[in-house]
């Protein structure tokens, strides 16, 4: 979810959410999600040497995210599907805007 922090304001301002995951679902994590997992693992132990697969509470598509941004702000945000290379170029070109 942290990757959306810089993208969301630009998507709201422009009405465009770039993405290339098609119908793929992602269980985005918030900082609080990550902290809760870390606290539990540290408190309970027993996971040495294990790889923990951690996901957010709900797997969503980019279309779901665009709809949620539209609903939350009242500004229409639409998903524009793009091949992976142009999406990477977009993020590289707007890095300063996205990470502050």
N, C-alpha and C. Protein backbone atom coordinates (compact mmCIF):
# COMPACT_ATOMS: atom_id res chain seq x y z
N UNK A 1 0.82 -1.18 0.00
CA UNK A 1 0.00 0.00 0.00
C UNK A 1 0.86 1.24 0.00
N UNK A 2 2.05 1.14 0.59
CA UNK A 2 2.93 2.31 0.62
C UNK A 2 3.28 2.78 -0.78
N UNK A 3 3.30 1.87 -1.74
CA UNK A 3 3.61 2.28 -3.11
C UNK A 3 2.52 3.17 -3.70
N UNK A 4 1.34 3.14 -3.11
CA UNK A 4 0.24 3.96 -3.62
C UNK A 4 0.23 5.36 -3.03
N UNK A 5 1.01 5.60 -1.98
CA UNK A 5 0.98 6.90 -1.33
C UNK A 5 1.35 8.01 -2.31
N UNK A 6 2.37 7.83 -3.09
CA UNK A 6 2.75 8.85 -4.05
C UNK A 6 1.92 8.83 -5.31
N UNK A 7 1.41 7.66 -5.66
CA UNK A 7 0.64 7.51 -6.89
C UNK A 7 -0.77 8.04 -6.73
N UNK A 8 -1.38 7.84 -5.59
CA UNK A 8 -2.78 8.22 -5.40
C UNK A 8 -3.03 9.72 -5.63
N UNK A 9 -2.24 10.63 -5.04
CA UNK A 9 -2.51 12.05 -5.28
C UNK A 9 -2.42 12.43 -6.77
N UNK A 10 -1.45 11.86 -7.45
CA UNK A 10 -1.31 12.16 -8.89
C UNK A 10 -2.48 11.58 -9.68
N UNK A 11 -2.93 10.37 -9.30
CA UNK A 11 -4.07 9.76 -9.98
C UNK A 11 -5.33 10.60 -9.77
N UNK A 12 -5.51 11.12 -8.57
CA UNK A 12 -6.67 11.96 -8.28
C UNK A 12 -6.59 13.26 -9.07
N UNK A 13 -5.40 13.85 -9.12
CA UNK A 13 -5.22 15.13 -9.82
C UNK A 13 -5.41 14.99 -11.33
N UNK A 14 -4.94 13.87 -11.88
CA UNK A 14 -4.99 13.69 -13.34
C UNK A 14 -6.18 12.86 -13.80
N UNK A 15 -6.78 12.12 -12.88
CA UNK A 15 -7.87 11.22 -13.25
C UNK A 15 -7.41 9.92 -13.85
N UNK A 16 -6.09 9.66 -13.78
CA UNK A 16 -5.52 8.47 -14.41
C UNK A 16 -4.66 7.70 -13.40
N UNK A 17 -4.95 6.42 -13.25
CA UNK A 17 -4.13 5.53 -12.44
C UNK A 17 -3.43 4.58 -13.40
N UNK A 18 -2.12 4.72 -13.58
CA UNK A 18 -1.42 3.81 -14.49
C UNK A 18 -1.24 2.45 -13.83
N UNK A 19 -1.38 1.41 -14.59
CA UNK A 19 -1.20 0.08 -14.03
C UNK A 19 -1.04 -0.95 -15.12
N UNK A 20 -0.51 -2.09 -14.74
CA UNK A 20 -0.34 -3.16 -15.72
C UNK A 20 -0.67 -4.53 -15.15
N UNK A 21 -1.38 -4.56 -14.04
CA UNK A 21 -1.67 -5.86 -13.43
C UNK A 21 -2.93 -6.52 -13.97
N UNK A 22 -3.60 -5.83 -14.88
CA UNK A 22 -4.84 -6.36 -15.47
C UNK A 22 -5.79 -6.77 -14.35
N UNK A 23 -6.18 -8.04 -14.32
CA UNK A 23 -7.11 -8.50 -13.30
C UNK A 23 -6.39 -9.11 -12.10
N UNK A 24 -5.06 -8.95 -12.07
CA UNK A 24 -4.29 -9.50 -10.96
C UNK A 24 -4.64 -8.82 -9.65
N UNK A 25 -4.72 -9.59 -8.62
CA UNK A 25 -5.06 -9.06 -7.30
C UNK A 25 -3.82 -8.99 -6.43
N UNK A 26 -3.73 -7.91 -5.66
CA UNK A 26 -2.59 -7.69 -4.79
C UNK A 26 -3.10 -7.42 -3.38
N UNK A 27 -2.55 -8.09 -2.41
CA UNK A 27 -2.90 -7.85 -1.01
C UNK A 27 -1.94 -6.82 -0.44
N UNK A 28 -2.20 -5.55 -0.76
CA UNK A 28 -1.32 -4.47 -0.31
C UNK A 28 -1.22 -4.44 1.22
N UNK A 29 -0.03 -4.11 1.70
CA UNK A 29 0.21 -3.98 3.13
C UNK A 29 0.33 -2.52 3.52
N UNK A 30 -0.20 -2.19 4.67
CA UNK A 30 0.04 -0.86 5.23
C UNK A 30 1.20 -0.98 6.21
N UNK A 31 1.71 0.14 6.62
CA UNK A 31 2.77 0.16 7.63
C UNK A 31 2.27 -0.50 8.92
N UNK A 32 1.01 -0.23 9.26
CA UNK A 32 0.43 -0.85 10.46
C UNK A 32 0.34 -2.36 10.33
N UNK A 33 -0.01 -2.86 9.13
CA UNK A 33 -0.05 -4.31 8.90
C UNK A 33 1.33 -4.92 9.16
N UNK A 34 2.35 -4.29 8.58
CA UNK A 34 3.72 -4.79 8.73
C UNK A 34 4.16 -4.76 10.18
N UNK A 35 3.85 -3.69 10.88
CA UNK A 35 4.23 -3.57 12.29
C UNK A 35 3.54 -4.63 13.13
N UNK A 36 2.28 -4.92 12.85
CA UNK A 36 1.55 -5.93 13.61
C UNK A 36 2.16 -7.31 13.42
N UNK A 37 2.54 -7.62 12.18
CA UNK A 37 3.18 -8.91 11.91
C UNK A 37 4.53 -8.99 12.63
N UNK A 38 5.32 -7.94 12.51
CA UNK A 38 6.64 -7.94 13.17
C UNK A 38 6.50 -8.09 14.68
N UNK A 39 5.55 -7.39 15.27
CA UNK A 39 5.35 -7.47 16.72
C UNK A 39 4.95 -8.88 17.14
N UNK A 40 4.06 -9.49 16.38
CA UNK A 40 3.62 -10.85 16.69
C UNK A 40 4.76 -11.84 16.57
N UNK A 41 5.52 -11.75 15.50
CA UNK A 41 6.63 -12.68 15.29
C UNK A 41 7.68 -12.51 16.38
N UNK A 42 7.98 -11.27 16.74
CA UNK A 42 8.97 -11.03 17.79
C UNK A 42 8.47 -11.51 19.15
N UNK A 43 7.20 -11.29 19.43
CA UNK A 43 6.64 -11.67 20.73
C UNK A 43 6.47 -13.17 20.88
N UNK A 44 6.04 -13.83 19.79
CA UNK A 44 5.74 -15.25 19.88
C UNK A 44 6.89 -16.14 19.47
N UNK A 45 7.82 -15.61 18.67
CA UNK A 45 8.96 -16.40 18.23
C UNK A 45 8.54 -17.61 17.41
N UNK A 46 9.46 -18.55 17.28
CA UNK A 46 9.15 -19.79 16.59
C UNK A 46 9.17 -19.72 15.07
N UNK A 47 9.68 -18.64 14.52
CA UNK A 47 9.67 -18.55 13.06
C UNK A 47 11.09 -18.46 12.49
N UNK A 48 12.09 -18.80 13.28
CA UNK A 48 13.46 -18.73 12.81
C UNK A 48 13.64 -19.61 11.58
N UNK A 49 14.23 -19.03 10.54
CA UNK A 49 14.50 -19.77 9.32
C UNK A 49 13.31 -19.92 8.39
N UNK A 50 12.15 -19.45 8.81
CA UNK A 50 10.96 -19.56 7.96
C UNK A 50 10.82 -18.33 7.08
N UNK A 51 10.22 -18.54 5.93
CA UNK A 51 9.84 -17.42 5.07
C UNK A 51 8.35 -17.21 5.30
N UNK A 52 8.01 -16.04 5.77
CA UNK A 52 6.62 -15.73 6.07
C UNK A 52 6.00 -15.00 4.89
N UNK A 53 4.91 -15.51 4.40
CA UNK A 53 4.18 -14.84 3.32
C UNK A 53 3.12 -13.96 3.97
N UNK A 54 3.31 -12.66 3.83
CA UNK A 54 2.42 -11.71 4.49
C UNK A 54 1.72 -10.90 3.42
N UNK A 55 0.40 -10.82 3.53
CA UNK A 55 -0.37 -10.01 2.58
C UNK A 55 -1.33 -9.13 3.37
N UNK A 56 -1.88 -8.18 2.68
CA UNK A 56 -2.86 -7.30 3.29
C UNK A 56 -4.17 -8.04 3.52
N UNK A 57 -5.13 -7.36 4.14
CA UNK A 57 -6.38 -8.01 4.52
C UNK A 57 -7.28 -8.36 3.34
N UNK A 58 -7.07 -7.72 2.20
CA UNK A 58 -7.91 -7.99 1.03
C UNK A 58 -7.08 -7.82 -0.24
N UNK A 59 -7.19 -8.78 -1.14
CA UNK A 59 -6.50 -8.68 -2.42
C UNK A 59 -7.39 -7.90 -3.38
N UNK A 60 -6.84 -6.82 -3.94
CA UNK A 60 -7.62 -5.94 -4.82
C UNK A 60 -6.92 -5.77 -6.16
N UNK A 61 -7.69 -5.39 -7.17
CA UNK A 61 -7.14 -5.10 -8.49
C UNK A 61 -6.88 -3.60 -8.61
N UNK A 62 -6.16 -3.22 -9.63
CA UNK A 62 -5.95 -1.80 -9.90
C UNK A 62 -7.29 -1.11 -10.19
N UNK A 63 -8.20 -1.82 -10.82
CA UNK A 63 -9.53 -1.29 -11.08
C UNK A 63 -10.25 -0.99 -9.76
N UNK A 64 -10.11 -1.89 -8.79
CA UNK A 64 -10.69 -1.66 -7.46
C UNK A 64 -10.11 -0.40 -6.82
N UNK A 65 -8.81 -0.22 -6.98
CA UNK A 65 -8.15 0.95 -6.39
C UNK A 65 -8.66 2.23 -7.05
N UNK A 66 -8.77 2.23 -8.37
CA UNK A 66 -9.29 3.41 -9.08
C UNK A 66 -10.71 3.71 -8.60
N UNK A 67 -11.53 2.69 -8.43
CA UNK A 67 -12.91 2.89 -7.97
C UNK A 67 -12.93 3.44 -6.54
N UNK A 68 -12.06 2.94 -5.69
CA UNK A 68 -12.00 3.42 -4.30
C UNK A 68 -11.55 4.88 -4.25
N UNK A 69 -10.57 5.25 -5.08
CA UNK A 69 -10.12 6.64 -5.13
C UNK A 69 -11.25 7.54 -5.62
N UNK A 70 -12.00 7.08 -6.61
CA UNK A 70 -13.13 7.85 -7.13
C UNK A 70 -14.18 8.04 -6.04
N UNK A 71 -14.51 6.97 -5.35
CA UNK A 71 -15.53 7.02 -4.30
C UNK A 71 -15.09 7.92 -3.14
N UNK A 72 -13.83 7.81 -2.75
CA UNK A 72 -13.34 8.56 -1.59
C UNK A 72 -13.20 10.05 -1.86
N UNK A 73 -12.92 10.41 -3.11
CA UNK A 73 -12.62 11.82 -3.41
C UNK A 73 -13.71 12.53 -4.21
N UNK A 74 -14.56 11.77 -4.88
CA UNK A 74 -15.54 12.38 -5.76
C UNK A 74 -14.96 12.80 -7.09
N UNK A 75 -13.68 12.53 -7.31
CA UNK A 75 -13.02 12.80 -8.59
C UNK A 75 -12.87 11.48 -9.33
N UNK A 76 -13.34 11.44 -10.59
CA UNK A 76 -13.25 10.20 -11.35
C UNK A 76 -11.78 9.84 -11.61
N UNK A 77 -11.42 8.62 -11.24
CA UNK A 77 -10.09 8.08 -11.52
C UNK A 77 -10.29 6.81 -12.32
N UNK A 78 -9.63 6.74 -13.48
CA UNK A 78 -9.77 5.55 -14.32
C UNK A 78 -8.40 4.88 -14.45
N UNK A 79 -8.45 3.58 -14.58
CA UNK A 79 -7.23 2.79 -14.78
C UNK A 79 -6.85 2.83 -16.25
N UNK A 80 -5.58 3.08 -16.51
CA UNK A 80 -5.07 2.96 -17.87
C UNK A 80 -4.06 1.83 -17.87
N UNK A 81 -4.43 0.74 -18.51
CA UNK A 81 -3.53 -0.39 -18.59
C UNK A 81 -2.37 -0.09 -19.51
N UNK A 82 -1.21 -0.43 -19.06
CA UNK A 82 0.01 -0.19 -19.84
C UNK A 82 0.92 -1.40 -19.72
N UNK A 83 1.71 -1.66 -20.75
CA UNK A 83 2.72 -2.72 -20.64
C UNK A 83 3.74 -2.36 -19.55
N UNK A 84 4.43 -3.34 -19.04
CA UNK A 84 5.34 -3.14 -17.91
C UNK A 84 6.40 -2.07 -18.16
N UNK A 85 7.01 -2.04 -19.32
CA UNK A 85 8.10 -1.08 -19.56
C UNK A 85 7.62 0.37 -19.45
N UNK A 86 6.51 0.75 -20.09
CA UNK A 86 6.06 2.14 -19.93
C UNK A 86 5.67 2.49 -18.49
N UNK A 87 5.14 1.53 -17.74
CA UNK A 87 4.81 1.81 -16.34
C UNK A 87 6.08 2.09 -15.56
N UNK A 88 7.11 1.29 -15.79
CA UNK A 88 8.39 1.53 -15.12
C UNK A 88 8.95 2.89 -15.51
N UNK A 89 8.83 3.25 -16.79
CA UNK A 89 9.30 4.56 -17.25
C UNK A 89 8.52 5.68 -16.57
N UNK A 90 7.20 5.50 -16.43
CA UNK A 90 6.35 6.50 -15.77
C UNK A 90 6.83 6.72 -14.34
N UNK A 91 7.02 5.63 -13.60
CA UNK A 91 7.45 5.77 -12.22
C UNK A 91 8.83 6.41 -12.12
N UNK A 92 9.72 6.05 -13.03
CA UNK A 92 11.05 6.66 -13.03
C UNK A 92 10.98 8.15 -13.32
N UNK A 93 10.14 8.53 -14.26
CA UNK A 93 10.02 9.95 -14.64
C UNK A 93 9.37 10.78 -13.54
N UNK A 94 8.51 10.17 -12.73
CA UNK A 94 7.80 10.92 -11.70
C UNK A 94 8.27 10.56 -10.29
N UNK A 95 9.45 9.99 -10.20
CA UNK A 95 9.96 9.54 -8.90
C UNK A 95 9.92 10.64 -7.86
N UNK A 96 10.36 11.84 -8.20
CA UNK A 96 10.39 12.93 -7.23
C UNK A 96 8.99 13.27 -6.74
N UNK A 97 8.01 13.23 -7.63
CA UNK A 97 6.63 13.51 -7.24
C UNK A 97 6.07 12.40 -6.35
N UNK A 98 6.51 11.17 -6.59
CA UNK A 98 5.95 10.03 -5.90
C UNK A 98 6.53 9.82 -4.51
N UNK A 99 7.80 10.14 -4.34
CA UNK A 99 8.43 9.88 -3.04
C UNK A 99 8.72 11.15 -2.27
N UNK A 100 8.39 12.27 -2.84
CA UNK A 100 8.51 13.54 -2.12
C UNK A 100 9.82 14.13 -2.23
